[in-house]
């Protein structure tokens, strides 16, 4: 599953794990995307939508 929102394009970002001793190692933050069907341009479309866009998109 490609973890990219089909509405806004939000995807994976990167950052650091920080241990108790403040050592930093790279990690990824994945977008919270769900597979839903929604209305876009008068048609019903199935795609992956992030949690923030779920509130604003008209669901089918």
Protein backbone atom coordinates (compact mmCIF):
# COMPACT_ATOMS: atom_id res chain seq x y z
CA UNK A 1 0.00 0.00 0.00
CA UNK A 2 1.36 3.37 -1.00
CA UNK A 3 0.91 5.54 2.09
CA UNK A 4 0.11 8.74 0.18
CA UNK A 5 -3.17 10.68 0.43
CA UNK A 6 -4.90 10.97 -2.97
CA UNK A 7 -6.55 14.27 -1.94
CA UNK A 8 -3.72 16.37 -0.47
CA UNK A 9 -0.62 14.32 -1.30
CA UNK A 10 0.50 13.89 2.30
CA UNK A 11 2.98 11.04 2.60
CA UNK A 12 5.89 9.70 4.56
CA UNK A 13 8.24 12.14 6.32
CA UNK A 14 11.48 11.51 8.17
CA UNK A 15 12.91 12.53 11.50
CA UNK A 16 14.96 11.21 14.40
CA UNK A 17 14.55 8.66 17.16
CA UNK A 18 16.05 10.26 20.27
CA UNK A 19 17.21 7.92 23.03
CA UNK A 20 17.52 8.71 26.72
CA UNK A 21 21.19 9.56 26.14
CA UNK A 22 20.14 11.91 23.29
CA UNK A 23 21.66 9.76 20.52
CA UNK A 24 19.82 10.32 17.25
CA UNK A 25 19.00 7.70 14.61
CA UNK A 26 16.86 8.21 11.53
CA UNK A 27 13.21 7.07 11.46
CA UNK A 28 10.11 7.58 9.33
CA UNK A 29 6.71 9.00 10.17
CA UNK A 30 3.99 7.39 8.05
CA UNK A 31 0.78 9.18 7.09
CA UNK A 32 -2.47 7.92 8.65
CA UNK A 33 -4.27 6.93 5.43
CA UNK A 34 -7.44 4.86 5.12
CA UNK A 35 -8.97 3.28 2.01
CA UNK A 36 -12.33 5.01 1.40
CA UNK A 37 -14.67 5.82 -1.46
CA UNK A 38 -15.50 9.50 -1.88
CA UNK A 39 -17.14 11.84 -4.40
CA UNK A 40 -14.81 13.86 -6.61
CA UNK A 41 -16.15 15.86 -9.54
CA UNK A 42 -19.52 14.11 -9.45
CA UNK A 43 -17.97 10.63 -9.61
CA UNK A 44 -17.38 8.08 -6.86
CA UNK A 45 -13.66 7.40 -6.47
CA UNK A 46 -11.92 4.83 -4.27
CA UNK A 47 -8.56 5.85 -2.88
CA UNK A 48 -6.40 6.35 0.17
CA UNK A 49 -7.30 9.45 2.20
CA UNK A 50 -5.50 10.85 5.25
CA UNK A 51 -7.36 11.38 8.53
CA UNK A 52 -7.48 15.16 8.14
CA UNK A 53 -9.00 14.95 4.64
CA UNK A 54 -11.64 12.45 5.86
CA UNK A 55 -13.28 15.33 7.75
CA UNK A 56 -13.47 17.61 4.69
CA UNK A 57 -14.16 15.15 1.83
CA UNK A 58 -17.75 14.28 0.92
CA UNK A 59 -18.09 10.54 1.48
CA UNK A 60 -19.93 8.28 -0.97
